[in-house]
């Protein structure tokens, strides 16, 4: 079989329970819902990290990497990235990103023939004249998302007849939610007063912690408005995914393209006293959508309830591309063989980091003073099975959850089940090839424009 094209669509911060194809009652994702009917949908896909950098570094290397900047900076220089693997297999590769963690500064440009990272300072420098002309014809659209879509289409248009292509797009529904008012109104139905809307917009751009600071609980008015902003942004990204897929169909390569739609992590909206992400590896943040379409490689209209990890995309795409590598050297598995897999659990790694890294423990304590961060001190590794979840903390804390129970992650069963906890600790120790956490690397050095972008997303003070 001819090598397929690959379109990898990442929606930063997207929760599956806010998509119709995963059971959400609101019409946030009409195109993805329809697209899922001709795809394979994974109902229990788990991210390997609780925020962008560790999650994407693990997906791009096929290894559960330690979650600190220093460790990722150290280990990713020693490991081959997915686009490098695909490039060796004859692929033309392109990345279009609006996230500072997926930028030249973090080394994510490795293996890409074309790499476009946008921020507010550079996007006119990055764009070509043809794309700018197209954008001027659509002035009511959100510029950066539209830039990304047009840039991806341009790369595919220029290269798809020359050989197989790999196109990675890093869309975002990350806070602060840059949601056009008309998309917010689709879901708000006039419930939020103009005064509350202005206040909520001001707070989310200043500091998401403001929504919790006084009581540790988000108000119903604020939560509803934030959810409507979030849902409106999902709807907007859904429109751009529709445009991309329609473009593939128009140029005649849709059925020859592996299309992946997934997320790097989810988002808290007041659950457990959290808002945003980067605290711990609970389901709201680590369970993500995963939809894959190729009519000959993935059964159309299929739902898979077995637990999988998004690092499995490394081995799956590498094998489909006919790349020269040994899958046994990776912790990633082929999603097409998941029914015969003997894997009992997948992992998510996280860390509340030292000062100067994200997530900075002292900065989080200041922003979310109602939370007891001593519970989450240091490294944590979550083991996710079919019906259970165990979270190991380097500080000695242990969490054990029965995910079939109505209380789920609201009831820690660790103290009542010490033998079960010991069993899971032994299973974790037996994980083959798990890279140990250390501080061998350096913190990434960012250009000023990238730092501004990180501040806008809440990663730097």
Protein backbone atom coordinates (compact mmCIF):
# COMPACT_ATOMS: atom_id res chain seq x y z
CA UNK A 1 0.00 0.00 0.00
CA UNK A 2 1.17 3.51 -0.81
CA UNK A 3 2.34 5.47 2.23
CA UNK A 4 -0.54 7.55 3.57
CA UNK A 5 -0.46 11.27 4.13
CA UNK A 6 -0.80 12.18 7.81
CA UNK A 7 -2.75 15.13 9.20
CA UNK A 8 -2.24 15.41 12.97
CA UNK A 9 -4.67 17.91 14.53
CA UNK A 10 -3.99 18.77 18.17
CA UNK A 11 -6.59 20.84 20.06
CA UNK A 12 -4.82 22.22 23.11
CA UNK A 13 -6.87 21.83 26.35
CA UNK A 14 -9.83 20.05 24.71
CA UNK A 15 -11.90 17.85 27.03
CA UNK A 16 -13.73 14.93 25.40
CA UNK A 17 -16.83 15.52 27.54
CA UNK A 18 -17.29 18.84 25.70
CA UNK A 19 -17.63 17.16 22.29
CA UNK A 20 -20.93 15.80 21.04
CA UNK A 21 -19.36 12.56 19.79
CA UNK A 22 -18.36 11.87 23.42
CA UNK A 23 -21.86 12.55 24.74
CA UNK A 24 -21.91 16.31 25.37
CA UNK A 25 -25.42 17.75 25.14
CA UNK A 26 -24.39 21.08 23.59
CA UNK A 27 -23.72 21.41 19.87
CA UNK A 28 -20.05 22.40 20.21
CA UNK A 29 -18.57 20.08 17.59
CA UNK A 30 -21.03 19.39 14.75
CA UNK A 31 -18.33 18.58 12.22
CA UNK A 32 -16.21 16.39 14.50
CA UNK A 33 -19.38 14.54 15.53
CA UNK A 34 -20.14 13.70 11.91
CA UNK A 35 -16.48 12.97 11.14
CA UNK A 36 -16.32 10.49 14.04
CA UNK A 37 -19.00 8.37 12.34
CA UNK A 38 -16.50 7.45 9.62
CA UNK A 39 -13.58 7.13 12.06
CA UNK A 40 -12.36 5.10 15.02
CA UNK A 41 -13.11 6.89 18.29
CA UNK A 42 -11.18 6.01 21.45
CA UNK A 43 -13.36 6.53 24.51
CA UNK A 44 -10.59 6.25 27.11
CA UNK A 45 -7.52 7.96 25.67
CA UNK A 46 -5.13 9.24 28.33
CA UNK A 47 -2.51 11.97 27.90
CA UNK A 48 1.04 11.22 29.13
CA UNK A 49 1.31 14.68 30.73
CA UNK A 50 -0.93 17.14 32.55
CA UNK A 51 0.17 20.15 30.48
CA UNK A 52 1.52 20.80 27.00
CA UNK A 53 5.29 20.37 27.22
CA UNK A 54 5.53 16.92 28.90
CA UNK A 55 2.51 15.62 27.02
CA UNK A 56 3.78 16.59 23.57
CA UNK A 57 7.40 15.62 24.33
CA UNK A 58 6.16 12.14 25.26
CA UNK A 59 3.92 11.85 22.19
CA UNK A 60 6.71 12.99 19.88
CA UNK A 61 9.27 10.52 21.33
CA UNK A 62 7.12 7.50 22.23
CA UNK A 63 8.41 7.54 25.83
CA UNK A 64 6.81 8.56 29.12
CA UNK A 65 9.20 11.42 29.84
CA UNK A 66 9.75 13.07 33.24
CA UNK A 67 7.58 16.18 33.36
CA UNK A 68 10.02 18.96 34.25
CA UNK A 69 11.51 21.43 31.78
CA UNK A 70 15.05 20.42 32.76
CA UNK A 71 14.43 16.72 32.22
CA UNK A 72 12.59 17.23 28.94
CA UNK A 73 15.30 19.56 27.63
CA UNK A 74 17.90 16.93 28.55
CA UNK A 75 16.19 13.79 27.24
CA UNK A 76 14.59 15.10 24.05
CA UNK A 77 18.06 15.94 22.71
CA UNK A 78 18.90 12.24 22.98
CA UNK A 79 15.68 10.84 21.47
CA UNK A 80 14.36 10.89 17.91
CA UNK A 81 11.24 12.97 17.32
CA UNK A 82 8.28 11.64 15.32
CA UNK A 83 8.81 14.12 12.43
CA UNK A 84 12.47 13.05 12.24
CA UNK A 85 11.35 9.41 12.02
CA UNK A 86 8.82 10.25 9.31
CA UNK A 87 11.32 12.39 7.43
CA UNK A 88 13.66 9.38 7.25
CA UNK A 89 10.72 7.44 5.83
CA UNK A 90 10.40 9.89 2.93
CA UNK A 91 7.81 12.31 4.29
CA UNK A 92 7.70 16.06 3.74
CA UNK A 93 6.91 17.50 7.15
CA UNK A 94 5.29 20.70 8.42
CA UNK A 95 4.26 22.12 11.80
CA UNK A 96 1.91 25.04 12.41
CA UNK A 97 1.73 26.08 16.07
CA UNK A 98 0.24 28.84 18.19
CA UNK A 99 1.75 27.57 21.43
CA UNK A 100 5.11 28.76 22.81
CA UNK A 101 5.92 25.28 24.14
CA UNK A 102 5.78 24.05 20.53
CA UNK A 103 8.36 26.47 19.18
CA UNK A 104 11.98 26.81 18.07
CA UNK A 105 12.93 27.69 21.65
CA UNK A 106 11.94 24.25 22.97
CA UNK A 107 13.43 22.27 20.08
CA UNK A 108 10.10 21.14 18.65
CA UNK A 109 11.20 22.28 15.19
CA UNK A 110 13.38 19.17 14.86
CA UNK A 111 12.52 17.05 11.84
CA UNK A 112 10.15 19.57 10.25
CA UNK A 113 10.91 20.82 6.75
CA UNK A 114 8.59 23.76 7.41
CA UNK A 115 8.00 25.04 10.94
CA UNK A 116 5.65 27.92 11.68
CA UNK A 117 5.28 29.16 15.24
CA UNK A 118 3.01 32.19 15.55
CA UNK A 119 2.87 34.84 18.22
CA UNK A 120 1.53 38.38 18.07
CA UNK A 121 4.92 39.84 17.19
CA UNK A 122 5.89 37.57 14.33
CA UNK A 123 2.85 36.38 12.40
CA UNK A 124 3.16 38.82 9.49
CA UNK A 125 6.83 37.84 9.16
CA UNK A 126 5.92 34.15 9.02
CA UNK A 127 3.08 34.45 6.50
CA UNK A 128 3.53 34.42 2.74
CA UNK A 129 1.80 37.00 0.53
CA UNK A 130 -0.71 34.51 -0.89
CA UNK A 131 -1.95 33.56 2.57
CA UNK A 132 -2.19 37.23 3.62
CA UNK A 133 -4.32 37.92 0.54
CA UNK A 134 -6.65 35.05 1.43
CA UNK A 135 -7.00 36.37 4.98
CA UNK A 136 -7.91 39.87 3.84
CA UNK A 137 -10.96 38.37 2.14
CA UNK A 138 -12.19 37.01 5.52
CA UNK A 139 -11.77 39.91 7.98
CA UNK A 140 -14.33 38.70 10.54
CA UNK A 141 -12.39 35.53 11.37
CA UNK A 142 -10.03 35.16 14.36
CA UNK A 143 -6.68 35.90 12.67
CA UNK A 144 -4.26 33.44 14.26
CA UNK A 145 -6.48 30.36 13.89
CA UNK A 146 -7.20 31.30 10.30
CA UNK A 147 -3.48 31.83 9.61
CA UNK A 148 -2.78 28.31 10.82
CA UNK A 149 -5.47 26.72 8.68
CA UNK A 150 -4.35 28.56 5.55
CA UNK A 151 -0.68 27.75 6.16
CA UNK A 152 -1.44 24.04 6.54
CA UNK A 153 -3.52 24.01 3.35
CA UNK A 154 -0.74 25.76 1.47
CA UNK A 155 1.86 23.19 2.56
CA UNK A 156 -0.35 20.25 1.59
CA UNK A 157 -1.33 21.86 -1.72
CA UNK A 158 2.32 22.32 -2.68
CA UNK A 159 3.60 18.91 -1.59
CA UNK A 160 0.93 16.19 -1.72
CA UNK A 161 1.73 15.18 -5.32
CA UNK A 162 5.46 14.89 -4.63
CA UNK A 163 5.16 12.19 -1.96
CA UNK A 164 3.69 11.51 1.48
CA UNK A 165 3.19 14.50 3.80
CA UNK A 166 3.01 14.89 7.57
CA UNK A 167 1.20 18.02 8.73
CA UNK A 168 0.95 18.86 12.43
CA UNK A 169 -1.42 21.63 13.57
CA UNK A 170 -1.50 22.82 17.16
CA UNK A 171 -4.89 24.51 17.53
CA UNK A 172 -5.94 25.80 20.92
CA UNK A 173 -8.94 26.18 23.23
CA UNK A 174 -6.50 27.06 26.02
CA UNK A 175 -7.30 29.89 28.42
CA UNK A 176 -7.50 32.81 28.16
CA UNK A 177 -10.34 32.00 25.79
CA UNK A 178 -10.02 34.21 22.70
CA UNK A 179 -13.62 33.50 21.81
CA UNK A 180 -15.36 35.85 19.36
CA UNK A 181 -18.47 37.30 21.00
CA UNK A 182 -20.77 35.75 18.41
CA UNK A 183 -19.47 32.26 19.29
CA UNK A 184 -19.89 32.94 23.01
CA UNK A 185 -23.48 34.03 22.32
CA UNK A 186 -24.22 30.70 20.59
CA UNK A 187 -24.02 29.00 23.98
CA UNK A 188 -24.80 31.78 26.47
CA UNK A 189 -28.29 32.71 25.23
CA UNK A 190 -28.11 36.08 27.00
CA UNK A 191 -27.65 34.55 30.47
CA UNK A 192 -24.50 36.55 31.25
CA UNK A 193 -24.99 40.27 31.88
CA UNK A 194 -22.72 42.74 30.02
CA UNK A 195 -21.15 43.71 33.35
CA UNK A 196 -20.34 40.11 34.26
CA UNK A 197 -19.02 39.45 30.76
CA UNK A 198 -16.59 42.38 30.99
CA UNK A 199 -15.46 41.33 34.47
CA UNK A 200 -14.95 37.71 33.45
CA UNK A 201 -12.97 38.73 30.38
CA UNK A 202 -10.81 41.02 32.53
CA UNK A 203 -10.19 38.31 35.12
CA UNK A 204 -9.33 35.55 32.67
CA UNK A 205 -6.73 37.73 30.94
CA UNK A 206 -5.27 38.90 34.27
CA UNK A 207 -5.27 35.77 36.44
CA UNK A 208 -7.49 32.66 36.32
CA UNK A 209 -6.94 32.28 40.08
CA UNK A 210 -9.24 35.27 40.65
CA UNK A 211 -12.22 33.00 39.97
CA UNK A 212 -11.35 30.91 43.08
CA UNK A 213 -9.35 33.16 45.35
CA UNK A 214 -11.99 34.26 47.88
CA UNK A 215 -13.70 30.95 48.68
CA UNK A 216 -11.87 28.26 46.73
CA UNK A 217 -15.08 27.71 44.77
CA UNK A 218 -16.09 29.22 41.47
CA UNK A 219 -19.49 30.92 41.35
CA UNK A 220 -22.23 29.50 39.14
CA UNK A 221 -22.30 32.70 37.06
CA UNK A 222 -18.55 32.65 36.44
CA UNK A 223 -18.40 28.93 35.73
CA UNK A 224 -21.26 29.10 33.24
CA UNK A 225 -19.66 32.03 31.42
CA UNK A 226 -16.22 30.37 31.28
CA UNK A 227 -17.78 27.18 29.95
CA UNK A 228 -19.63 29.16 27.29
CA UNK A 229 -16.39 30.87 26.25
CA UNK A 230 -14.69 27.47 26.12
CA UNK A 231 -17.54 25.83 24.20
CA UNK A 232 -17.66 28.72 21.74
CA UNK A 233 -13.96 28.33 21.04
CA UNK A 234 -14.38 24.58 20.45
CA UNK A 235 -17.14 25.40 17.96
CA UNK A 236 -14.81 27.82 16.16
CA UNK A 237 -11.96 25.31 15.94
CA UNK A 238 -14.48 22.70 14.74
CA UNK A 239 -15.27 24.98 11.78
CA UNK A 240 -11.58 25.10 10.86
CA UNK A 241 -11.25 21.34 11.09
CA UNK A 242 -14.24 21.13 8.73
CA UNK A 243 -12.41 23.44 6.33
CA UNK A 244 -9.24 21.34 6.42
CA UNK A 245 -11.05 18.05 5.84
CA UNK A 246 -13.12 19.59 3.03
CA UNK A 247 -9.86 20.76 1.47
CA UNK A 248 -8.40 17.22 1.58
CA UNK A 249 -11.58 15.92 -0.04
CA UNK A 250 -11.47 18.63 -2.72
CA UNK A 251 -7.91 17.78 -3.79
CA UNK A 252 -8.72 14.06 -3.72
CA UNK A 253 -6.52 12.77 -0.88
CA UNK A 254 -8.90 12.44 2.09
CA UNK A 255 -9.17 8.65 1.84
CA UNK A 256 -5.39 8.42 1.45
CA UNK A 257 -4.77 10.44 4.63
CA UNK A 258 -4.56 9.30 8.24
CA UNK A 259 -6.37 12.07 10.12
CA UNK A 260 -5.73 12.27 13.87
CA UNK A 261 -7.73 14.57 16.16
CA UNK A 262 -6.64 14.65 19.80
CA UNK A 263 -5.54 16.93 22.67
CA UNK A 264 -2.48 17.34 24.85
CA UNK A 265 -4.52 17.65 28.07
CA UNK A 266 -7.88 18.85 29.36
CA UNK A 267 -8.97 21.60 31.73
CA UNK A 268 -10.45 22.12 35.20
CA UNK A 269 -13.48 24.38 35.64
CA UNK A 270 -13.66 24.48 39.43
CA UNK A 271 -13.62 20.72 40.06
CA UNK A 272 -11.76 19.87 43.30
CA UNK A 273 -11.01 23.59 43.76
CA UNK A 274 -8.89 23.67 40.59
CA UNK A 275 -9.13 25.87 37.53
CA UNK A 276 -7.01 25.57 34.37
CA UNK A 277 -4.46 22.69 34.50
CA UNK A 278 -0.96 21.83 35.68
CA UNK A 279 -1.87 20.70 39.21
CA UNK A 280 -2.30 16.95 39.10
CA UNK A 281 -3.27 14.02 36.91
CA UNK A 282 -7.02 13.75 37.53
CA UNK A 283 -9.43 12.72 34.75
CA UNK A 284 -10.61 16.23 33.82
CA UNK A 285 -7.06 17.00 32.73
CA UNK A 286 -5.63 13.70 31.46
CA UNK A 287 -8.55 12.09 29.61
CA UNK A 288 -8.54 13.48 26.07
CA UNK A 289 -10.39 12.97 22.77
CA UNK A 290 -8.80 10.68 20.20
CA UNK A 291 -10.40 10.25 16.78
CA UNK A 292 -8.53 8.61 13.89
CA UNK A 293 -9.74 8.22 10.32
CA UNK A 294 -8.37 6.20 7.43
CA UNK A 295 -10.91 3.97 5.68
CA UNK A 296 -8.48 1.07 5.16
CA UNK A 297 -6.41 1.28 8.36
CA UNK A 298 -9.01 2.14 11.01
CA UNK A 299 -12.52 0.62 11.01
CA UNK A 300 -15.08 3.36 10.27
CA UNK A 301 -17.77 3.99 12.86
CA UNK A 302 -15.94 2.07 15.60
CA UNK A 303 -15.72 2.98 19.28
CA UNK A 304 -12.87 1.52 21.36
CA UNK A 305 -13.41 1.52 25.13
CA UNK A 306 -10.03 0.02 26.04
CA UNK A 307 -7.64 2.43 27.77
CA UNK A 308 -4.96 3.78 25.43
CA UNK A 309 -2.29 6.46 25.66
CA UNK A 310 -1.72 9.20 23.13
CA UNK A 311 1.97 8.21 23.10
CA UNK A 312 0.69 5.22 21.11
CA UNK A 313 0.46 7.60 18.16
CA UNK A 314 4.26 7.48 17.83
CA UNK A 315 4.43 3.75 17.09
CA UNK A 316 1.12 3.71 15.20
CA UNK A 317 2.09 6.47 12.78
CA UNK A 318 5.68 5.25 12.48
CA UNK A 319 4.55 1.77 11.43
CA UNK A 320 1.89 3.08 9.04
CA UNK A 321 4.57 5.24 7.41
CA UNK A 322 6.86 2.24 6.94
CA UNK A 323 9.55 3.91 9.04
CA UNK A 324 12.73 2.04 9.94
CA UNK A 325 12.59 1.67 13.73
CA UNK A 326 12.20 -1.01 16.40
CA UNK A 327 8.83 -0.53 18.17
CA UNK A 328 10.00 -2.75 21.05
CA UNK A 329 12.36 0.02 22.18
CA UNK A 330 9.44 2.35 22.92
CA UNK A 331 6.66 2.48 25.53
CA UNK A 332 4.24 3.29 22.73
CA UNK A 333 2.04 0.57 21.16
CA UNK A 334 0.29 0.27 17.79
CA UNK A 335 -3.34 1.35 18.22
CA UNK A 336 -4.37 -1.08 15.47
CA UNK A 337 -3.20 -3.97 17.68
CA UNK A 338 -4.67 -2.71 20.94
CA UNK A 339 -7.18 -5.58 21.15
CA UNK A 340 -4.33 -8.08 21.57
CA UNK A 341 -2.26 -5.87 23.85
CA UNK A 342 -1.46 -7.25 27.30
CA UNK A 343 -0.85 -3.80 28.76
CA UNK A 344 -2.72 -3.34 32.06
CA UNK A 345 -2.39 0.42 32.41
CA UNK A 346 -1.05 3.61 30.86
CA UNK A 347 0.86 6.39 32.60
CA UNK A 348 0.70 10.14 33.11
CA UNK A 349 3.71 11.92 34.61
CA UNK A 350 3.58 15.30 36.33
CA UNK A 351 5.57 17.42 38.75
CA UNK A 352 4.98 20.49 40.88
CA UNK A 353 8.33 22.05 40.08
CA UNK A 354 10.94 24.18 41.75
CA UNK A 355 11.01 27.96 41.36
CA UNK A 356 11.66 29.11 37.82
CA UNK A 357 9.89 26.20 36.11
CA UNK A 358 6.24 25.67 35.29
CA UNK A 359 4.30 24.66 37.27
CA UNK A 360 6.21 26.67 39.89
CA UNK A 361 5.10 25.49 43.36
CA UNK A 362 5.48 28.88 45.05
CA UNK A 363 3.69 30.71 42.24
CA UNK A 364 0.80 28.22 42.39
CA UNK A 365 0.54 28.57 46.18
CA UNK A 366 0.31 32.33 45.82
CA UNK A 367 -2.28 32.17 43.04
CA UNK A 368 -4.39 29.38 44.59
CA UNK A 369 -3.93 29.97 48.31
CA UNK A 370 -6.94 27.81 49.27
CA UNK A 371 -5.21 24.62 48.02
CA UNK A 372 -2.87 22.39 50.02
CA UNK A 373 0.03 22.01 47.60
CA UNK A 374 2.01 19.94 50.10
CA UNK A 375 -0.17 17.02 48.96
CA UNK A 376 1.16 17.38 45.41
CA UNK A 377 4.81 18.13 46.22
CA UNK A 378 7.39 16.78 43.76
CA UNK A 379 6.95 14.16 41.07
CA UNK A 380 3.72 12.21 40.59
CA UNK A 381 2.96 9.27 38.30
CA UNK A 382 -0.62 8.22 37.56
CA UNK A 383 -1.39 4.64 36.52
CA UNK A 384 -4.70 4.40 34.65
CA UNK A 385 -6.34 1.00 34.22
CA UNK A 386 -9.74 0.05 32.84
CA UNK A 387 -11.71 0.66 36.06
CA UNK A 388 -9.14 1.97 38.52
CA UNK A 389 -6.49 4.62 38.94
CA UNK A 390 -3.46 4.83 41.21
CA UNK A 391 -1.33 7.96 41.67
CA UNK A 392 2.14 7.64 43.18
CA UNK A 393 3.81 10.72 44.67
CA UNK A 394 7.51 11.04 45.42
CA UNK A 395 6.56 12.69 48.74
CA UNK A 396 4.93 9.45 49.94
CA UNK A 397 1.32 10.43 49.21
CA UNK A 398 -0.81 7.76 47.49
CA UNK A 399 -4.19 8.06 45.79
CA UNK A 400 -6.32 5.08 44.76
CA UNK A 401 -9.62 5.47 42.93
CA UNK A 402 -12.39 3.15 41.81
CA UNK A 403 -13.50 4.77 38.57
CA UNK A 404 -16.69 2.68 38.46
CA UNK A 405 -17.84 4.20 41.77
CA UNK A 406 -20.21 7.20 41.68
CA UNK A 407 -17.66 9.12 43.77
CA UNK A 408 -14.79 8.27 41.43
CA UNK A 409 -11.80 10.49 42.13
CA UNK A 410 -13.57 12.20 45.02
CA UNK A 411 -12.91 9.20 47.27
CA UNK A 412 -9.33 8.12 47.99
CA UNK A 413 -9.31 4.40 48.84
CA UNK A 414 -5.56 4.09 49.46
CA UNK A 415 -5.63 3.96 53.29
CA UNK A 416 -8.35 1.30 53.31
CA UNK A 417 -6.50 -0.88 50.77
CA UNK A 418 -2.78 -1.00 51.69
CA UNK A 419 -2.20 -4.37 49.98
CA UNK A 420 -3.72 -3.09 46.75
CA UNK A 421 -1.51 0.01 46.97
CA UNK A 422 1.60 -2.14 47.42
CA UNK A 423 0.59 -4.20 44.40
CA UNK A 424 0.33 -1.11 42.23
CA UNK A 425 3.66 0.20 43.54
CA UNK A 426 5.27 -3.07 42.45
CA UNK A 427 3.63 -2.82 39.02
CA UNK A 428 5.00 0.70 38.62
CA UNK A 429 8.50 -0.43 39.58
CA UNK A 430 8.29 -3.16 36.93
CA UNK A 431 7.57 -0.78 34.03
CA UNK A 432 10.30 -1.52 31.49
CA UNK A 433 12.53 1.31 30.33
CA UNK A 434 10.84 4.06 32.35
CA UNK A 435 13.14 7.08 32.24
CA UNK A 436 13.95 8.27 35.75
CA UNK A 437 13.42 11.85 36.83
CA UNK A 438 16.54 13.94 37.32
CA UNK A 439 17.70 17.55 37.02
CA UNK A 440 20.45 17.03 34.44
CA UNK A 441 19.17 19.55 31.91
CA UNK A 442 18.76 23.30 31.79
CA UNK A 443 15.61 25.39 31.78
CA UNK A 444 14.69 26.48 28.24
CA UNK A 445 15.83 29.93 27.16
CA UNK A 446 13.06 31.87 25.45
CA UNK A 447 13.07 34.88 23.16
CA UNK A 448 11.23 37.92 24.53
CA UNK A 449 8.29 37.42 22.14
CA UNK A 450 7.93 33.82 23.32
CA UNK A 451 8.08 34.97 26.96
CA UNK A 452 5.26 37.43 26.26
CA UNK A 453 3.23 34.58 24.79
CA UNK A 454 3.92 32.40 27.85
CA UNK A 455 2.77 35.23 30.13
CA UNK A 456 -0.44 35.64 28.13
CA UNK A 457 -1.19 31.94 28.67
CA UNK A 458 -0.46 32.12 32.41
CA UNK A 459 2.84 30.21 32.41
CA UNK A 460 4.98 33.16 33.53
CA UNK A 461 4.22 35.95 35.99
